[in-house]
């Protein structure tokens, strides 16, 4: 579980400040549902975002059958690729954060 430990440490370093800023600005949050950083991010947002945060989250699940799981949680979920094209600057943020994590994981390997 070395990788999961590093993901959590790097999450606190690289992701938490950006997520906290987004929460404080009432931004909409766009997440995936992959195991690891995506699920850690979703759990963090749900724990720290307050009771109304679910209305500001959109999940793009990796599998269409996961949509119902998030809808049951009252979180918007979509597999519509047209909606994913509207991500704009959020994609650039995710790419930058992913590069940071990827660099760390390559260093370990």
C-alpha atoms as a PDB file:
ATOM      1  CA  UNK A   1       0.000   0.000   0.000  1.00  0.00           C
ATOM      2  CA  UNK A   2       2.965   2.320  -0.511  1.00  0.00           C
ATOM      3  CA  UNK A   3       1.330   3.897  -3.556  1.00  0.00           C
ATOM      4  CA  UNK A   4      -1.947   4.613  -1.730  1.00  0.00           C
ATOM      5  CA  UNK A   5       0.009   6.216   1.116  1.00  0.00           C
ATOM      6  CA  UNK A   6       1.879   8.401  -1.364  1.00  0.00           C
ATOM      7  CA  UNK A   7      -1.335   9.297  -3.177  1.00  0.00           C
ATOM      8  CA  UNK A   8      -2.839  10.445   0.130  1.00  0.00           C
ATOM      9  CA  UNK A   9       0.269  12.443   1.047  1.00  0.00           C
ATOM     10  CA  UNK A  10       0.435  14.040  -2.395  1.00  0.00           C
ATOM     11  CA  UNK A  11      -3.321  14.611  -2.295  1.00  0.00           C
ATOM     12  CA  UNK A  12      -2.908  16.686   0.851  1.00  0.00           C
ATOM     13  CA  UNK A  13      -0.037  18.612  -0.731  1.00  0.00           C
ATOM     14  CA  UNK A  14      -1.307  19.185  -4.263  1.00  0.00           C
ATOM     15  CA  UNK A  15      -5.080  18.750  -4.265  1.00  0.00           C
ATOM     16  CA  UNK A  16      -6.426  19.949  -0.912  1.00  0.00           C
ATOM     17  CA  UNK A  17      -5.454  23.625  -1.362  1.00  0.00           C
ATOM     18  CA  UNK A  18      -7.114  23.759  -4.809  1.00  0.00           C
ATOM     19  CA  UNK A  19     -10.217  21.914  -3.607  1.00  0.00           C
ATOM     20  CA  UNK A  20     -10.528  24.115  -0.520  1.00  0.00           C
ATOM     21  CA  UNK A  21     -10.279  27.204  -2.720  1.00  0.00           C
ATOM     22  CA  UNK A  22     -12.963  25.843  -5.073  1.00  0.00           C
ATOM     23  CA  UNK A  23     -15.233  25.048  -2.124  1.00  0.00           C
ATOM     24  CA  UNK A  24     -14.763  28.531  -0.639  1.00  0.00           C
ATOM     25  CA  UNK A  25     -15.574  30.183  -3.997  1.00  0.00           C
ATOM     26  CA  UNK A  26     -18.723  28.068  -4.480  1.00  0.00           C
ATOM     27  CA  UNK A  27     -17.239  26.620  -7.682  1.00  0.00           C
ATOM     28  CA  UNK A  28     -18.746  23.585  -9.373  1.00  0.00           C
ATOM     29  CA  UNK A  29     -16.602  20.480  -8.898  1.00  0.00           C
ATOM     30  CA  UNK A  30     -15.974  17.961 -11.659  1.00  0.00           C
ATOM     31  CA  UNK A  31     -14.695  14.544 -10.630  1.00  0.00           C
ATOM     32  CA  UNK A  32     -14.214  11.027 -11.935  1.00  0.00           C
ATOM     33  CA  UNK A  33     -14.881   7.805 -10.074  1.00  0.00           C
ATOM     34  CA  UNK A  34     -11.599   5.894 -10.465  1.00  0.00           C
ATOM     35  CA  UNK A  35     -10.088   4.257  -7.400  1.00  0.00           C
ATOM     36  CA  UNK A  36      -7.332   6.341  -5.839  1.00  0.00           C
ATOM     37  CA  UNK A  37      -7.222  10.108  -6.236  1.00  0.00           C
ATOM     38  CA  UNK A  38     -10.762  10.439  -7.641  1.00  0.00           C
ATOM     39  CA  UNK A  39     -12.375   8.622  -4.730  1.00  0.00           C
ATOM     40  CA  UNK A  40     -10.133  10.358  -2.194  1.00  0.00           C
ATOM     41  CA  UNK A  41     -11.145  13.712  -3.721  1.00  0.00           C
ATOM     42  CA  UNK A  42     -14.856  12.868  -3.652  1.00  0.00           C
ATOM     43  CA  UNK A  43     -14.684  11.753  -0.029  1.00  0.00           C
ATOM     44  CA  UNK A  44     -12.746  14.897   0.912  1.00  0.00           C
ATOM     45  CA  UNK A  45     -15.263  17.166  -0.825  1.00  0.00           C
ATOM     46  CA  UNK A  46     -18.214  15.411   0.803  1.00  0.00           C
ATOM     47  CA  UNK A  47     -16.596  15.673   4.255  1.00  0.00           C
ATOM     48  CA  UNK A  48     -15.443  19.297   3.964  1.00  0.00           C
ATOM     49  CA  UNK A  49     -17.896  20.915   1.574  1.00  0.00           C
ATOM     50  CA  UNK A  50     -20.933  21.273   3.800  1.00  0.00           C
ATOM     51  CA  UNK A  51     -24.469  20.011   3.315  1.00  0.00           C
ATOM     52  CA  UNK A  52     -25.111  21.737  -0.038  1.00  0.00           C
ATOM     53  CA  UNK A  53     -21.909  20.557  -1.741  1.00  0.00           C
ATOM     54  CA  UNK A  54     -23.577  17.633  -3.539  1.00  0.00           C
ATOM     55  CA  UNK A  55     -25.455  20.079  -5.775  1.00  0.00           C
ATOM     56  CA  UNK A  56     -22.131  21.490  -7.000  1.00  0.00           C
ATOM     57  CA  UNK A  57     -20.549  18.136  -7.943  1.00  0.00           C
ATOM     58  CA  UNK A  58     -20.661  16.451 -11.332  1.00  0.00           C
ATOM     59  CA  UNK A  59     -19.168  12.987 -11.647  1.00  0.00           C
ATOM     60  CA  UNK A  60     -18.098  11.520 -14.981  1.00  0.00           C
ATOM     61  CA  UNK A  61     -18.119   7.805 -14.118  1.00  0.00           C
ATOM     62  CA  UNK A  62     -15.837   5.365 -15.867  1.00  0.00           C
ATOM     63  CA  UNK A  63     -18.730   2.968 -16.476  1.00  0.00           C
ATOM     64  CA  UNK A  64     -22.327   3.862 -17.419  1.00  0.00           C
ATOM     65  CA  UNK A  65     -23.749   1.552 -14.743  1.00  0.00           C
ATOM     66  CA  UNK A  66     -22.077   3.689 -12.045  1.00  0.00           C
ATOM     67  CA  UNK A  67     -24.363   6.640 -12.847  1.00  0.00           C
ATOM     68  CA  UNK A  68     -27.175   5.233 -10.682  1.00  0.00           C
ATOM     69  CA  UNK A  69     -24.849   4.910  -7.683  1.00  0.00           C
ATOM     70  CA  UNK A  70     -24.077   8.638  -7.734  1.00  0.00           C
ATOM     71  CA  UNK A  71     -27.643   9.637  -8.493  1.00  0.00           C
ATOM     72  CA  UNK A  72     -28.682   7.634  -5.416  1.00  0.00           C
ATOM     73  CA  UNK A  73     -26.250   9.847  -3.474  1.00  0.00           C
ATOM     74  CA  UNK A  74     -27.973  12.913  -5.042  1.00  0.00           C
ATOM     75  CA  UNK A  75     -24.853  13.767  -7.046  1.00  0.00           C
ATOM     76  CA  UNK A  76     -25.108  14.607 -10.741  1.00  0.00           C
ATOM     77  CA  UNK A  77     -23.465  11.918 -12.858  1.00  0.00           C
ATOM     78  CA  UNK A  78     -23.096  11.852 -16.621  1.00  0.00           C
ATOM     79  CA  UNK A  79     -21.431   9.782 -19.311  1.00  0.00           C
ATOM     80  CA  UNK A  80     -22.353  12.334 -21.988  1.00  0.00           C
ATOM     81  CA  UNK A  81     -19.143  13.235 -23.874  1.00  0.00           C
ATOM     82  CA  UNK A  82     -20.684  16.541 -25.014  1.00  0.00           C
ATOM     83  CA  UNK A  83     -20.894  17.652 -21.376  1.00  0.00           C
ATOM     84  CA  UNK A  84     -17.289  16.660 -20.770  1.00  0.00           C
ATOM     85  CA  UNK A  85     -16.217  19.080 -23.525  1.00  0.00           C
ATOM     86  CA  UNK A  86     -17.517  21.945 -21.383  1.00  0.00           C
ATOM     87  CA  UNK A  87     -14.866  21.408 -18.703  1.00  0.00           C
ATOM     88  CA  UNK A  88     -12.538  24.099 -20.055  1.00  0.00           C
ATOM     89  CA  UNK A  89     -10.007  25.291 -17.455  1.00  0.00           C
ATOM     90  CA  UNK A  90     -10.959  22.508 -15.052  1.00  0.00           C
ATOM     91  CA  UNK A  91      -9.294  20.062 -17.437  1.00  0.00           C
ATOM     92  CA  UNK A  92      -6.075  22.086 -17.335  1.00  0.00           C
ATOM     93  CA  UNK A  93      -6.114  22.009 -13.522  1.00  0.00           C
ATOM     94  CA  UNK A  94      -6.659  18.252 -13.513  1.00  0.00           C
ATOM     95  CA  UNK A  95      -3.879  17.722 -16.083  1.00  0.00           C
ATOM     96  CA  UNK A  96      -1.447  19.755 -13.984  1.00  0.00           C
ATOM     97  CA  UNK A  97      -2.312  17.903 -10.803  1.00  0.00           C
ATOM     98  CA  UNK A  98      -2.153  14.550 -12.598  1.00  0.00           C
ATOM     99  CA  UNK A  99       1.324  15.401 -13.893  1.00  0.00           C
ATOM    100  CA  UNK A 100       2.467  16.088 -10.323  1.00  0.00           C
ATOM    101  CA  UNK A 101       1.150  12.740  -9.110  1.00  0.00           C
ATOM    102  CA  UNK A 102       2.483  10.869 -12.171  1.00  0.00           C
ATOM    103  CA  UNK A 103       5.944  12.314 -11.617  1.00  0.00           C
ATOM    104  CA  UNK A 104       5.862  11.132  -8.011  1.00  0.00           C
ATOM    105  CA  UNK A 105       4.722   7.638  -8.977  1.00  0.00           C
ATOM    106  CA  UNK A 106       7.423   7.359 -11.676  1.00  0.00           C
ATOM    107  CA  UNK A 107      10.018   8.310  -9.093  1.00  0.00           C
ATOM    108  CA  UNK A 108       8.855   5.432  -6.883  1.00  0.00           C
ATOM    109  CA  UNK A 109       8.877   2.854  -9.684  1.00  0.00           C
END
